[in-house]
Amino acid sequence: MKTIQRLKIAGLIPLGLATAVSLLFGIGEMAGGDWSGVGHLIPAAIIIGLMWLGWKRPLWAGIPLLILGVVAAFYFTNEIRSPQDWLPPFLIFITPLLLSGSLFLGAAWVSWRQP
């Protein structure tokens, strides 16, 4: 049981960091008078929802996280040609999605394997 909780906590950490960055951008832009910062709050809300789902049902959060990460990775690497344009979002947002999705799926697998 401790292994499952550790995997879930480890899965929450990268998502929490990505959410913090998104909230920082959104709140910072809105505080500066640019209301387009609301666009950063939408992904933050989705990630927070997936974090909650990952704690309750790791399998049902791990699958969408991996799918979102793979789709976003293909978008950033195929649509945006220069690495200096796609590398920061890849490291800030896509890597946490893939890492957390893998950790949540690992927690689901460990809970499935335990009697």
C-alpha atoms as a PDB file:
ATOM      1  CA  MET A   1       0.000   0.000   0.000  1.00  0.00           C
ATOM      2  CA  LYS A   2       2.851   2.377   0.725  1.00  0.00           C
ATOM      3  CA  THR A   3       4.307   1.820  -2.735  1.00  0.00           C
ATOM      4  CA  ILE A   4       1.033   2.828  -4.353  1.00  0.00           C
ATOM      5  CA  GLN A   5       0.811   6.023  -2.307  1.00  0.00           C
ATOM      6  CA  ARG A   6       4.431   6.888  -3.045  1.00  0.00           C
ATOM      7  CA  LEU A   7       3.866   6.441  -6.777  1.00  0.00           C
ATOM      8  CA  LYS A   8       0.758   8.607  -6.642  1.00  0.00           C
ATOM      9  CA  ILE A   9       2.568  11.339  -4.689  1.00  0.00           C
ATOM     10  CA  ALA A  10       5.462  11.168  -7.143  1.00  0.00           C
ATOM     11  CA  GLY A  11       2.929  11.506  -9.973  1.00  0.00           C
ATOM     12  CA  LEU A  12       1.410  14.603  -8.397  1.00  0.00           C
ATOM     13  CA  ILE A  13       4.698  16.487  -8.053  1.00  0.00           C
ATOM     14  CA  PRO A  14       5.445  17.131 -11.774  1.00  0.00           C
ATOM     15  CA  LEU A  15       1.822  18.051 -12.415  1.00  0.00           C
ATOM     16  CA  GLY A  16       1.883  20.437  -9.463  1.00  0.00           C
ATOM     17  CA  LEU A  17       4.963  22.159 -10.847  1.00  0.00           C
ATOM     18  CA  ALA A  18       3.408  22.485 -14.320  1.00  0.00           C
ATOM     19  CA  THR A  19       0.229  23.878 -12.749  1.00  0.00           C
ATOM     20  CA  ALA A  20       2.229  26.366 -10.701  1.00  0.00           C
ATOM     21  CA  VAL A  21       3.988  27.632 -13.838  1.00  0.00           C
ATOM     22  CA  SER A  22       0.696  27.923 -15.708  1.00  0.00           C
ATOM     23  CA  LEU A  23      -0.930  29.787 -12.816  1.00  0.00           C
ATOM     24  CA  LEU A  24       2.107  32.055 -12.558  1.00  0.00           C
ATOM     25  CA  PHE A  25       1.823  32.974 -16.236  1.00  0.00           C
ATOM     26  CA  GLY A  26      -1.943  33.450 -16.080  1.00  0.00           C
ATOM     27  CA  ILE A  27      -2.074  35.504 -12.908  1.00  0.00           C
ATOM     28  CA  GLY A  28       0.984  37.520 -13.931  1.00  0.00           C
ATOM     29  CA  GLU A  29      -0.508  38.445 -17.287  1.00  0.00           C
ATOM     30  CA  MET A  30      -3.866  39.339 -15.785  1.00  0.00           C
ATOM     31  CA  ALA A  31      -2.206  41.425 -13.062  1.00  0.00           C
ATOM     32  CA  GLY A  32      -0.375  43.305 -15.804  1.00  0.00           C
ATOM     33  CA  GLY A  33      -3.677  44.132 -17.490  1.00  0.00           C
ATOM     34  CA  ASP A  34      -3.587  41.495 -20.227  1.00  0.00           C
ATOM     35  CA  TRP A  35      -6.778  39.454 -19.908  1.00  0.00           C
ATOM     36  CA  SER A  36      -5.477  36.828 -22.324  1.00  0.00           C
ATOM     37  CA  GLY A  37      -3.825  35.309 -19.248  1.00  0.00           C
ATOM     38  CA  VAL A  38      -7.147  33.568 -18.622  1.00  0.00           C
ATOM     39  CA  GLY A  39      -6.036  31.161 -21.348  1.00  0.00           C
ATOM     40  CA  HIS A  40      -3.355  29.843 -19.000  1.00  0.00           C
ATOM     41  CA  LEU A  41      -5.926  29.080 -16.324  1.00  0.00           C
ATOM     42  CA  ILE A  42      -7.818  26.577 -18.510  1.00  0.00           C
ATOM     43  CA  PRO A  43      -4.938  24.064 -18.744  1.00  0.00           C
ATOM     44  CA  ALA A  44      -4.266  24.600 -15.038  1.00  0.00           C
ATOM     45  CA  ALA A  45      -7.876  23.686 -14.213  1.00  0.00           C
ATOM     46  CA  ILE A  46      -7.692  20.587 -16.415  1.00  0.00           C
ATOM     47  CA  ILE A  47      -4.434  19.488 -14.808  1.00  0.00           C
ATOM     48  CA  ILE A  48      -5.847  20.061 -11.311  1.00  0.00           C
ATOM     49  CA  GLY A  49      -8.824  17.880 -12.241  1.00  0.00           C
ATOM     50  CA  LEU A  50      -6.508  15.162 -13.524  1.00  0.00           C
ATOM     51  CA  MET A  51      -4.449  15.429 -10.329  1.00  0.00           C
ATOM     52  CA  TRP A  52      -7.566  14.790  -8.254  1.00  0.00           C
ATOM     53  CA  LEU A  53      -8.564  11.923 -10.539  1.00  0.00           C
ATOM     54  CA  GLY A  54      -5.030  10.514 -10.331  1.00  0.00           C
ATOM     55  CA  TRP A  55      -5.227  10.372  -6.564  1.00  0.00           C
ATOM     56  CA  LYS A  56      -8.622   8.656  -6.599  1.00  0.00           C
ATOM     57  CA  ARG A  57      -8.305   6.512  -9.740  1.00  0.00           C
ATOM     58  CA  PRO A  58      -4.725   6.380 -11.044  1.00  0.00           C
ATOM     59  CA  LEU A  59      -5.568   4.282 -14.097  1.00  0.00           C
ATOM     60  CA  TRP A  60      -8.233   6.718 -15.294  1.00  0.00           C
ATOM     61  CA  ALA A  61      -5.844   9.642 -14.921  1.00  0.00           C
ATOM     62  CA  GLY A  62      -2.740   7.941 -16.284  1.00  0.00           C
ATOM     63  CA  ILE A  63      -4.283   7.110 -19.650  1.00  0.00           C
ATOM     64  CA  PRO A  64      -5.472  10.663 -20.509  1.00  0.00           C
ATOM     65  CA  LEU A  65      -2.234  12.160 -19.217  1.00  0.00           C
ATOM     66  CA  LEU A  66      -0.183   9.955 -21.526  1.00  0.00           C
ATOM     67  CA  ILE A  67      -2.505  10.649 -24.460  1.00  0.00           C
ATOM     68  CA  LEU A  68      -2.357  14.417 -23.850  1.00  0.00           C
ATOM     69  CA  GLY A  69       1.420  14.266 -23.511  1.00  0.00           C
ATOM     70  CA  VAL A  70       1.910  12.324 -26.736  1.00  0.00           C
ATOM     71  CA  VAL A  71      -0.507  14.512 -28.730  1.00  0.00           C
ATOM     72  CA  ALA A  72       1.112  17.698 -27.427  1.00  0.00           C
ATOM     73  CA  ALA A  73       4.594  16.325 -28.129  1.00  0.00           C
ATOM     74  CA  PHE A  74       3.673  15.569 -31.733  1.00  0.00           C
ATOM     75  CA  TYR A  75       2.159  19.005 -32.120  1.00  0.00           C
ATOM     76  CA  PHE A  76       5.137  20.898 -30.733  1.00  0.00           C
ATOM     77  CA  THR A  77       7.763  18.851 -32.574  1.00  0.00           C
ATOM     78  CA  ASN A  78       5.953  18.794 -35.937  1.00  0.00           C
ATOM     79  CA  GLU A  79       4.252  22.189 -36.155  1.00  0.00           C
ATOM     80  CA  ILE A  80       6.985  24.309 -34.616  1.00  0.00           C
ATOM     81  CA  ARG A  81      10.227  23.767 -36.475  1.00  0.00           C
ATOM     82  CA  SER A  82      12.942  25.412 -34.416  1.00  0.00           C
ATOM     83  CA  PRO A  83      13.947  23.677 -31.156  1.00  0.00           C
ATOM     84  CA  GLN A  84      14.251  26.926 -29.212  1.00  0.00           C
ATOM     85  CA  ASP A  85      10.509  27.419 -29.808  1.00  0.00           C
ATOM     86  CA  TRP A  86       9.265  23.937 -28.836  1.00  0.00           C
ATOM     87  CA  LEU A  87      11.823  22.896 -26.221  1.00  0.00           C
ATOM     88  CA  PRO A  88      10.633  25.123 -23.310  1.00  0.00           C
ATOM     89  CA  PRO A  89       6.960  24.072 -23.543  1.00  0.00           C
ATOM     90  CA  PHE A  90       8.110  20.489 -24.009  1.00  0.00           C
ATOM     91  CA  LEU A  91      10.116  20.576 -20.786  1.00  0.00           C
ATOM     92  CA  ILE A  92       7.614  22.643 -18.784  1.00  0.00           C
ATOM     93  CA  PHE A  93       4.324  21.004 -19.769  1.00  0.00           C
ATOM     94  CA  ILE A  94       4.739  17.853 -21.847  1.00  0.00           C
ATOM     95  CA  THR A  95       7.399  16.096 -19.773  1.00  0.00           C
ATOM     96  CA  PRO A  96       5.300  16.362 -16.567  1.00  0.00           C
ATOM     97  CA  LEU A  97       2.286  14.943 -18.411  1.00  0.00           C
ATOM     98  CA  LEU A  98       4.244  11.942 -19.643  1.00  0.00           C
ATOM     99  CA  LEU A  99       6.067  11.392 -16.358  1.00  0.00           C
ATOM    100  CA  SER A 100       2.954  11.688 -14.184  1.00  0.00           C
ATOM    101  CA  GLY A 101       0.911   9.531 -16.536  1.00  0.00           C
ATOM    102  CA  SER A 102       3.553   6.824 -16.327  1.00  0.00           C
ATOM    103  CA  LEU A 103       3.695   7.047 -12.528  1.00  0.00           C
ATOM    104  CA  PHE A 104      -0.094   6.864 -12.195  1.00  0.00           C
ATOM    105  CA  LEU A 105      -0.195   3.853 -14.503  1.00  0.00           C
ATOM    106  CA  GLY A 106       2.565   2.295 -12.400  1.00  0.00           C
ATOM    107  CA  ALA A 107       0.490   2.857  -9.257  1.00  0.00           C
ATOM    108  CA  ALA A 108      -2.522   1.261 -10.945  1.00  0.00           C
ATOM    109  CA  TRP A 109      -0.410  -1.696 -12.029  1.00  0.00           C
ATOM    110  CA  VAL A 110       1.028  -2.192  -8.521  1.00  0.00           C
ATOM    111  CA  SER A 111      -2.476  -2.047  -6.994  1.00  0.00           C
ATOM    112  CA  TRP A 112      -3.681  -4.572  -9.570  1.00  0.00           C
ATOM    113  CA  ARG A 113      -0.771  -6.926  -8.810  1.00  0.00           C
ATOM    114  CA  GLN A 114      -1.252  -6.858  -5.029  1.00  0.00           C
ATOM    115  CA  PRO A 115      -3.653  -9.412  -3.556  1.00  0.00           C
END
